[in-house]
Amino acid sequence: MMGVVGTIFVGLVVGIVARALHPGRQSMGVIMTIVLGIAGSLLAKYVGQMLHFYQAGQSAGWIASILGAIVLLVIYGAVARRAS
């Protein structure tokens, strides 16, 4: 149970930092910020494993997770602009 709570907390922190570092206004709530942070961490983990920065079973670091979340924010912004 603590693993799930820890994952949600890390996702929230990563999502908040990524949103603070990314210029512009992102209209998303707390749940989407958590999802963004978790997805950014997963993206960083798998890209890091493909580039041999991380071994299988290793998680991405904070900076890589934040960068992954920023990449997802840019993609989210492009898709949202295109849809409007």
PDB file of N, CA and C in Angstrom:
ATOM      1  N   MET A   1       0.828  -1.201   0.000  1.00  0.00           N
ATOM      2  CA  MET A   1       0.000   0.000   0.000  1.00  0.00           C
ATOM      3  C   MET A   1       0.865   1.255   0.000  1.00  0.00           C
ATOM      4  N   MET A   2       1.968   1.219   0.750  1.00  0.00           N
ATOM      5  CA  MET A   2       2.821   2.392   0.822  1.00  0.00           C
ATOM      6  C   MET A   2       3.465   2.695  -0.530  1.00  0.00           C
ATOM      7  N   GLY A   3       3.689   1.660  -1.355  1.00  0.00           N
ATOM      8  CA  GLY A   3       4.254   1.881  -2.683  1.00  0.00           C
ATOM      9  C   GLY A   3       3.335   2.713  -3.559  1.00  0.00           C
ATOM     10  N   VAL A   4       2.042   2.475  -3.467  1.00  0.00           N
ATOM     11  CA  VAL A   4       1.062   3.234  -4.256  1.00  0.00           C
ATOM     12  C   VAL A   4       1.022   4.685  -3.778  1.00  0.00           C
ATOM     13  N   VAL A   5       1.001   4.874  -2.459  1.00  0.00           N
ATOM     14  CA  VAL A   5       0.976   6.232  -1.901  1.00  0.00           C
ATOM     15  C   VAL A   5       2.263   6.973  -2.274  1.00  0.00           C
ATOM     16  N   GLY A   6       3.389   6.281  -2.200  1.00  0.00           N
ATOM     17  CA  GLY A   6       4.664   6.887  -2.577  1.00  0.00           C
ATOM     18  C   GLY A   6       4.700   7.281  -4.038  1.00  0.00           C
ATOM     19  N   THR A   7       4.168   6.415  -4.899  1.00  0.00           N
ATOM     20  CA  THR A   7       4.121   6.707  -6.327  1.00  0.00           C
ATOM     21  C   THR A   7       3.252   7.930  -6.606  1.00  0.00           C
ATOM     22  N   ILE A   8       2.113   8.012  -5.944  1.00  0.00           N
ATOM     23  CA  ILE A   8       1.228   9.164  -6.125  1.00  0.00           C
ATOM     24  C   ILE A   8       1.911  10.443  -5.636  1.00  0.00           C
ATOM     25  N   PHE A   9       2.592  10.370  -4.498  1.00  0.00           N
ATOM     26  CA  PHE A   9       3.278  11.551  -3.967  1.00  0.00           C
ATOM     27  C   PHE A   9       4.397  12.000  -4.900  1.00  0.00           C
ATOM     28  N   VAL A  10       5.203  11.055  -5.377  1.00  0.00           N
ATOM     29  CA  VAL A  10       6.286  11.406  -6.308  1.00  0.00           C
ATOM     30  C   VAL A  10       5.694  11.981  -7.585  1.00  0.00           C
ATOM     31  N   GLY A  11       4.613  11.397  -8.089  1.00  0.00           N
ATOM     32  CA  GLY A  11       3.957  11.923  -9.283  1.00  0.00           C
ATOM     33  C   GLY A  11       3.469  13.341  -9.084  1.00  0.00           C
ATOM     34  N   LEU A  12       2.915  13.619  -7.909  1.00  0.00           N
ATOM     35  CA  LEU A  12       2.448  14.975  -7.616  1.00  0.00           C
ATOM     36  C   LEU A  12       3.607  15.959  -7.604  1.00  0.00           C
ATOM     37  N   VAL A  13       4.685  15.608  -6.926  1.00  0.00           N
ATOM     38  CA  VAL A  13       5.844  16.512  -6.843  1.00  0.00           C
ATOM     39  C   VAL A  13       6.453  16.729  -8.222  1.00  0.00           C
ATOM     40  N   VAL A  14       6.669  15.657  -8.972  1.00  0.00           N
ATOM     41  CA  VAL A  14       7.245  15.770 -10.315  1.00  0.00           C
ATOM     42  C   VAL A  14       6.330  16.595 -11.216  1.00  0.00           C
ATOM     43  N   GLY A  15       5.028  16.355 -11.158  1.00  0.00           N
ATOM     44  CA  GLY A  15       4.076  17.112 -11.974  1.00  0.00           C
ATOM     45  C   GLY A  15       4.058  18.590 -11.631  1.00  0.00           C
ATOM     46  N   ILE A  16       4.107  18.907 -10.348  1.00  0.00           N
ATOM     47  CA  ILE A  16       4.107  20.320  -9.930  1.00  0.00           C
ATOM     48  C   ILE A  16       5.377  21.016 -10.388  1.00  0.00           C
ATOM     49  N   VAL A  17       6.518  20.373 -10.211  1.00  0.00           N
ATOM     50  CA  VAL A  17       7.786  20.985 -10.629  1.00  0.00           C
ATOM     51  C   VAL A  17       7.812  21.162 -12.145  1.00  0.00           C
ATOM     52  N   ALA A  18       7.362  20.148 -12.886  1.00  0.00           N
ATOM     53  CA  ALA A  18       7.336  20.258 -14.350  1.00  0.00           C
ATOM     54  C   ALA A  18       6.430  21.390 -14.807  1.00  0.00           C
ATOM     55  N   ARG A  19       5.263  21.522 -14.182  1.00  0.00           N
ATOM     56  CA  ARG A  19       4.349  22.605 -14.550  1.00  0.00           C
ATOM     57  C   ARG A  19       4.938  23.965 -14.205  1.00  0.00           C
ATOM     58  N   ALA A  20       5.694  24.047 -13.116  1.00  0.00           N
ATOM     59  CA  ALA A  20       6.320  25.316 -12.725  1.00  0.00           C
ATOM     60  C   ALA A  20       7.439  25.695 -13.690  1.00  0.00           C
ATOM     61  N   LEU A  21       8.161  24.704 -14.208  1.00  0.00           N
ATOM     62  CA  LEU A  21       9.284  24.980 -15.108  1.00  0.00           C
ATOM     63  C   LEU A  21       8.855  25.206 -16.549  1.00  0.00           C
ATOM     64  N   HIS A  22       7.718  24.662 -16.933  1.00  0.00           N
ATOM     65  CA  HIS A  22       7.236  24.814 -18.307  1.00  0.00           C
ATOM     66  C   HIS A  22       6.525  26.150 -18.443  1.00  0.00           C
ATOM     67  N   PRO A  23       6.948  26.979 -19.415  1.00  0.00           N
ATOM     68  CA  PRO A  23       6.294  28.286 -19.573  1.00  0.00           C
ATOM     69  C   PRO A  23       4.865  28.151 -20.082  1.00  0.00           C
ATOM     70  N   GLY A  24       4.063  29.122 -19.758  1.00  0.00           N
ATOM     71  CA  GLY A  24       2.677  29.116 -20.206  1.00  0.00           C
ATOM     72  C   GLY A  24       1.751  28.594 -19.132  1.00  0.00           C
ATOM     73  N   ARG A  25       0.477  28.632 -19.459  1.00  0.00           N
ATOM     74  CA  ARG A  25      -0.550  28.212 -18.510  1.00  0.00           C
ATOM     75  C   ARG A  25      -1.071  26.840 -18.920  1.00  0.00           C
ATOM     76  N   GLN A  26      -1.066  25.932 -17.980  1.00  0.00           N
ATOM     77  CA  GLN A  26      -1.633  24.605 -18.217  1.00  0.00           C
ATOM     78  C   GLN A  26      -2.896  24.494 -17.379  1.00  0.00           C
ATOM     79  N   SER A  27      -3.988  24.228 -18.039  1.00  0.00           N
ATOM     80  CA  SER A  27      -5.251  24.119 -17.310  1.00  0.00           C
ATOM     81  C   SER A  27      -5.534  22.652 -17.006  1.00  0.00           C
ATOM     82  N   MET A  28      -4.982  22.192 -15.890  1.00  0.00           N
ATOM     83  CA  MET A  28      -5.240  20.822 -15.451  1.00  0.00           C
ATOM     84  C   MET A  28      -5.297  20.807 -13.935  1.00  0.00           C
ATOM     85  N   GLY A  29      -6.071  19.906 -13.412  1.00  0.00           N
ATOM     86  CA  GLY A  29      -6.248  19.809 -11.972  1.00  0.00           C
ATOM     87  C   GLY A  29      -5.182  18.958 -11.303  1.00  0.00           C
ATOM     88  N   VAL A  30      -5.402  18.678 -10.040  1.00  0.00           N
ATOM     89  CA  VAL A  30      -4.443  17.930  -9.240  1.00  0.00           C
ATOM     90  C   VAL A  30      -4.290  16.497  -9.756  1.00  0.00           C
ATOM     91  N   ILE A  31      -5.399  15.865 -10.114  1.00  0.00           N
ATOM     92  CA  ILE A  31      -5.342  14.480 -10.594  1.00  0.00           C
ATOM     93  C   ILE A  31      -4.513  14.399 -11.873  1.00  0.00           C
ATOM     94  N   MET A  32      -4.744  15.304 -12.797  1.00  0.00           N
ATOM     95  CA  MET A  32      -3.970  15.302 -14.047  1.00  0.00           C
ATOM     96  C   MET A  32      -2.504  15.631 -13.788  1.00  0.00           C
ATOM     97  N   THR A  33      -2.226  16.470 -12.799  1.00  0.00           N
ATOM     98  CA  THR A  33      -0.842  16.775 -12.444  1.00  0.00           C
ATOM     99  C   THR A  33      -0.143  15.522 -11.919  1.00  0.00           C
ATOM    100  N   ILE A  34      -0.843  14.741 -11.105  1.00  0.00           N
ATOM    101  CA  ILE A  34      -0.283  13.481 -10.586  1.00  0.00           C
ATOM    102  C   ILE A  34      -0.045  12.502 -11.743  1.00  0.00           C
ATOM    103  N   VAL A  35      -1.038  12.378 -12.627  1.00  0.00           N
ATOM    104  CA  VAL A  35      -0.902  11.479 -13.776  1.00  0.00           C
ATOM    105  C   VAL A  35       0.269  11.927 -14.652  1.00  0.00           C
ATOM    106  N   LEU A  36       0.394  13.233 -14.861  1.00  0.00           N
ATOM    107  CA  LEU A  36       1.501  13.777 -15.646  1.00  0.00           C
ATOM    108  C   LEU A  36       2.846  13.404 -15.021  1.00  0.00           C
ATOM    109  N   GLY A  37       2.963  13.561 -13.717  1.00  0.00           N
ATOM    110  CA  GLY A  37       4.213  13.240 -13.030  1.00  0.00           C
ATOM    111  C   GLY A  37       4.548  11.764 -13.107  1.00  0.00           C
ATOM    112  N   ILE A  38       3.561  10.913 -12.886  1.00  0.00           N
ATOM    113  CA  ILE A  38       3.791   9.466 -12.958  1.00  0.00           C
ATOM    114  C   ILE A  38       4.156   9.056 -14.387  1.00  0.00           C
ATOM    115  N   ALA A  39       3.430   9.578 -15.360  1.00  0.00           N
ATOM    116  CA  ALA A  39       3.724   9.245 -16.762  1.00  0.00           C
ATOM    117  C   ALA A  39       5.100   9.775 -17.168  1.00  0.00           C
ATOM    118  N   GLY A  40       5.470  10.955 -16.686  1.00  0.00           N
ATOM    119  CA  GLY A  40       6.797  11.499 -16.974  1.00  0.00           C
ATOM    120  C   GLY A  40       7.896  10.628 -16.395  1.00  0.00           C
ATOM    121  N   SER A  41       7.674  10.111 -15.204  1.00  0.00           N
ATOM    122  CA  SER A  41       8.644   9.206 -14.580  1.00  0.00           C
ATOM    123  C   SER A  41       8.775   7.912 -15.379  1.00  0.00           C
ATOM    124  N   LEU A  42       7.634   7.379 -15.812  1.00  0.00           N
ATOM    125  CA  LEU A  42       7.665   6.156 -16.613  1.00  0.00           C
ATOM    126  C   LEU A  42       8.350   6.383 -17.953  1.00  0.00           C
ATOM    127  N   LEU A  43       8.052   7.507 -18.595  1.00  0.00           N
ATOM    128  CA  LEU A  43       8.694   7.842 -19.859  1.00  0.00           C
ATOM    129  C   LEU A  43      10.204   7.933 -19.676  1.00  0.00           C
ATOM    130  N   ALA A  44      10.646   8.632 -18.634  1.00  0.00           N
ATOM    131  CA  ALA A  44      12.080   8.775 -18.367  1.00  0.00           C
ATOM    132  C   ALA A  44      12.720   7.419 -18.078  1.00  0.00           C
ATOM    133  N   LYS A  45      12.012   6.567 -17.363  1.00  0.00           N
ATOM    134  CA  LYS A  45      12.539   5.237 -17.027  1.00  0.00           C
ATOM    135  C   LYS A  45      12.772   4.412 -18.284  1.00  0.00           C
ATOM    136  N   TYR A  46      11.766   4.345 -19.150  1.00  0.00           N
ATOM    137  CA  TYR A  46      11.883   3.491 -20.330  1.00  0.00           C
ATOM    138  C   TYR A  46      12.841   4.066 -21.369  1.00  0.00           C
ATOM    139  N   VAL A  47      12.866   5.379 -21.532  1.00  0.00           N
ATOM    140  CA  VAL A  47      13.838   5.986 -22.449  1.00  0.00           C
ATOM    141  C   VAL A  47      15.248   5.792 -21.885  1.00  0.00           C
ATOM    142  N   GLY A  48      15.398   5.957 -20.575  1.00  0.00           N
ATOM    143  CA  GLY A  48      16.697   5.737 -19.939  1.00  0.00           C
ATOM    144  C   GLY A  48      17.171   4.299 -20.082  1.00  0.00           C
ATOM    145  N   GLN A  49      16.261   3.344 -19.998  1.00  0.00           N
ATOM    146  CA  GLN A  49      16.634   1.947 -20.196  1.00  0.00           C
ATOM    147  C   GLN A  49      17.025   1.669 -21.643  1.00  0.00           C
ATOM    148  N   MET A  50      16.312   2.299 -22.594  1.00  0.00           N
ATOM    149  CA  MET A  50      16.657   2.120 -24.003  1.00  0.00           C
ATOM    150  C   MET A  50      18.039   2.693 -24.313  1.00  0.00           C
ATOM    151  N   LEU A  51      18.399   3.792 -23.642  1.00  0.00           N
ATOM    152  CA  LEU A  51      19.701   4.425 -23.851  1.00  0.00           C
ATOM    153  C   LEU A  51      20.772   3.887 -22.902  1.00  0.00           C
ATOM    154  N   HIS A  52      20.422   2.868 -22.133  1.00  0.00           N
ATOM    155  CA  HIS A  52      21.326   2.201 -21.190  1.00  0.00           C
ATOM    156  C   HIS A  52      21.815   3.120 -20.074  1.00  0.00           C
ATOM    157  N   PHE A  53      20.984   4.093 -19.669  1.00  0.00           N
ATOM    158  CA  PHE A  53      21.283   4.909 -18.490  1.00  0.00           C
ATOM    159  C   PHE A  53      20.854   4.176 -17.224  1.00  0.00           C
ATOM    160  N   TYR A  54      19.793   3.379 -17.340  1.00  0.00           N
ATOM    161  CA  TYR A  54      19.240   2.625 -16.219  1.00  0.00           C
ATOM    162  C   TYR A  54      19.180   1.157 -16.578  1.00  0.00           C
ATOM    163  N   GLN A  55      19.303   0.306 -15.579  1.00  0.00           N
ATOM    164  CA  GLN A  55      19.138  -1.140 -15.750  1.00  0.00           C
ATOM    165  C   GLN A  55      17.660  -1.480 -15.555  1.00  0.00           C
ATOM    166  N   ALA A  56      17.270  -2.658 -16.009  1.00  0.00           N
ATOM    167  CA  ALA A  56      15.897  -3.119 -15.800  1.00  0.00           C
ATOM    168  C   ALA A  56      15.608  -3.175 -14.305  1.00  0.00           C
ATOM    169  N   GLY A  57      14.465  -2.654 -13.906  1.00  0.00           N
ATOM    170  CA  GLY A  57      14.096  -2.628 -12.496  1.00  0.00           C
ATOM    171  C   GLY A  57      14.519  -1.365 -11.770  1.00  0.00           C
ATOM    172  N   GLN A  58      15.375  -0.572 -12.379  1.00  0.00           N
ATOM    173  CA  GLN A  58      15.796   0.691 -11.778  1.00  0.00           C
ATOM    174  C   GLN A  58      14.815   1.782 -12.159  1.00  0.00           C
ATOM    175  N   SER A  59      14.554   2.692 -11.235  1.00  0.00           N
ATOM    176  CA  SER A  59      13.648   3.793 -11.561  1.00  0.00           C
ATOM    177  C   SER A  59      14.462   5.008 -12.008  1.00  0.00           C
ATOM    178  N   ALA A  60      13.810   5.903 -12.707  1.00  0.00           N
ATOM    179  CA  ALA A  60      14.471   7.117 -13.180  1.00  0.00           C
ATOM    180  C   ALA A  60      14.691   8.068 -12.018  1.00  0.00           C
ATOM    181  N   GLY A  61      15.665   8.929 -12.154  1.00  0.00           N
ATOM    182  CA  GLY A  61      15.939   9.921 -11.128  1.00  0.00           C
ATOM    183  C   GLY A  61      14.960  11.078 -11.209  1.00  0.00           C
ATOM    184  N   TRP A  62      15.057  11.972 -10.245  1.00  0.00           N
ATOM    185  CA  TRP A  62      14.153  13.119 -10.175  1.00  0.00           C
ATOM    186  C   TRP A  62      14.263  14.002 -11.406  1.00  0.00           C
ATOM    187  N   ILE A  63      15.479  14.344 -11.802  1.00  0.00           N
ATOM    188  CA  ILE A  63      15.655  15.263 -12.930  1.00  0.00           C
ATOM    189  C   ILE A  63      15.118  14.638 -14.209  1.00  0.00           C
ATOM    190  N   ALA A  64      15.427  13.366 -14.434  1.00  0.00           N
ATOM    191  CA  ALA A  64      14.921  12.685 -15.629  1.00  0.00           C
ATOM    192  C   ALA A  64      13.399  12.608 -15.607  1.00  0.00           C
ATOM    193  N   SER A  65      12.825  12.365 -14.448  1.00  0.00           N
ATOM    194  CA  SER A  65      11.366  12.300 -14.333  1.00  0.00           C
ATOM    195  C   SER A  65      10.724  13.642 -14.655  1.00  0.00           C
ATOM    196  N   ILE A  66      11.324  14.717 -14.156  1.00  0.00           N
ATOM    197  CA  ILE A  66      10.801  16.057 -14.435  1.00  0.00           C
ATOM    198  C   ILE A  66      10.928  16.374 -15.919  1.00  0.00           C
ATOM    199  N   LEU A  67      12.059  16.018 -16.528  1.00  0.00           N
ATOM    200  CA  LEU A  67      12.226  16.247 -17.964  1.00  0.00           C
ATOM    201  C   LEU A  67      11.203  15.436 -18.769  1.00  0.00           C
ATOM    202  N   GLY A  68      10.952  14.204 -18.351  1.00  0.00           N
ATOM    203  CA  GLY A  68       9.930  13.389 -19.015  1.00  0.00           C
ATOM    204  C   GLY A  68       8.558  14.021 -18.908  1.00  0.00           C
ATOM    205  N   ALA A  69       8.241  14.578 -17.734  1.00  0.00           N
ATOM    206  CA  ALA A  69       6.944  15.235 -17.543  1.00  0.00           C
ATOM    207  C   ALA A  69       6.845  16.509 -18.385  1.00  0.00           C
ATOM    208  N   ILE A  70       7.945  17.248 -18.521  1.00  0.00           N
ATOM    209  CA  ILE A  70       7.932  18.455 -19.360  1.00  0.00           C
ATOM    210  C   ILE A  70       7.694  18.079 -20.819  1.00  0.00           C
ATOM    211  N   VAL A  71       8.326  17.012 -21.275  1.00  0.00           N
ATOM    212  CA  VAL A  71       8.098  16.545 -22.650  1.00  0.00           C
ATOM    213  C   VAL A  71       6.615  16.222 -22.845  1.00  0.00           C
ATOM    214  N   LEU A  72       6.020  15.547 -21.878  1.00  0.00           N
ATOM    215  CA  LEU A  72       4.593  15.226 -21.981  1.00  0.00           C
ATOM    216  C   LEU A  72       3.730  16.485 -21.933  1.00  0.00           C
ATOM    217  N   LEU A  73       4.149  17.489 -21.160  1.00  0.00           N
ATOM    218  CA  LEU A  73       3.414  18.758 -21.131  1.00  0.00           C
ATOM    219  C   LEU A  73       3.440  19.443 -22.491  1.00  0.00           C
ATOM    220  N   VAL A  74       4.569  19.409 -23.148  1.00  0.00           N
ATOM    221  CA  VAL A  74       4.685  20.018 -24.480  1.00  0.00           C
ATOM    222  C   VAL A  74       3.768  19.291 -25.458  1.00  0.00           C
ATOM    223  N   ILE A  75       3.776  17.980 -25.404  1.00  0.00           N
ATOM    224  CA  ILE A  75       2.892  17.190 -26.283  1.00  0.00           C
ATOM    225  C   ILE A  75       1.434  17.474 -25.960  1.00  0.00           C
ATOM    226  N   TYR A  76       1.094  17.510 -24.671  1.00  0.00           N
ATOM    227  CA  TYR A  76      -0.274  17.812 -24.238  1.00  0.00           C
ATOM    228  C   TYR A  76      -0.710  19.187 -24.746  1.00  0.00           C
ATOM    229  N   GLY A  77       0.158  20.179 -24.629  1.00  0.00           N
ATOM    230  CA  GLY A  77      -0.159  21.528 -25.099  1.00  0.00           C
ATOM    231  C   GLY A  77      -0.392  21.576 -26.595  1.00  0.00           C
ATOM    232  N   ALA A  78       0.436  20.850 -27.359  1.00  0.00           N
ATOM    233  CA  ALA A  78       0.281  20.828 -28.817  1.00  0.00           C
ATOM    234  C   ALA A  78      -1.036  20.166 -29.217  1.00  0.00           C
ATOM    235  N   VAL A  79      -1.376  19.073 -28.552  1.00  0.00           N
ATOM    236  CA  VAL A  79      -2.629  18.371 -28.865  1.00  0.00           C
ATOM    237  C   VAL A  79      -3.831  19.228 -28.453  1.00  0.00           C
ATOM    238  N   ALA A  80      -3.760  19.869 -27.304  1.00  0.00           N
ATOM    239  CA  ALA A  80      -4.867  20.710 -26.834  1.00  0.00           C
ATOM    240  C   ALA A  80      -5.077  21.906 -27.755  1.00  0.00           C
ATOM    241  N   ARG A  81      -3.988  22.516 -28.230  1.00  0.00           N
ATOM    242  CA  ARG A  81      -4.100  23.648 -29.158  1.00  0.00           C
ATOM    243  C   ARG A  81      -4.717  23.204 -30.477  1.00  0.00           C
ATOM    244  N   ARG A  82      -4.305  22.054 -30.941  1.00  0.00           N
ATOM    245  CA  ARG A  82      -4.810  21.541 -32.215  1.00  0.00           C
ATOM    246  C   ARG A  82      -6.291  21.183 -32.129  1.00  0.00           C
ATOM    247  N   ALA A  83      -6.711  20.718 -30.962  1.00  0.00           N
ATOM    248  CA  ALA A  83      -8.119  20.322 -30.774  1.00  0.00           C
ATOM    249  C   ALA A  83      -9.044  21.529 -30.644  1.00  0.00           C
ATOM    250  N   SER A  84      -8.515  22.694 -30.240  1.00  0.00           N
ATOM    251  CA  SER A  84      -9.400  23.851 -30.066  1.00  0.00           C
ATOM    252  C   SER A  84      -9.638  24.612 -31.318  1.00  0.00           C
TER     253      SER A  84
END
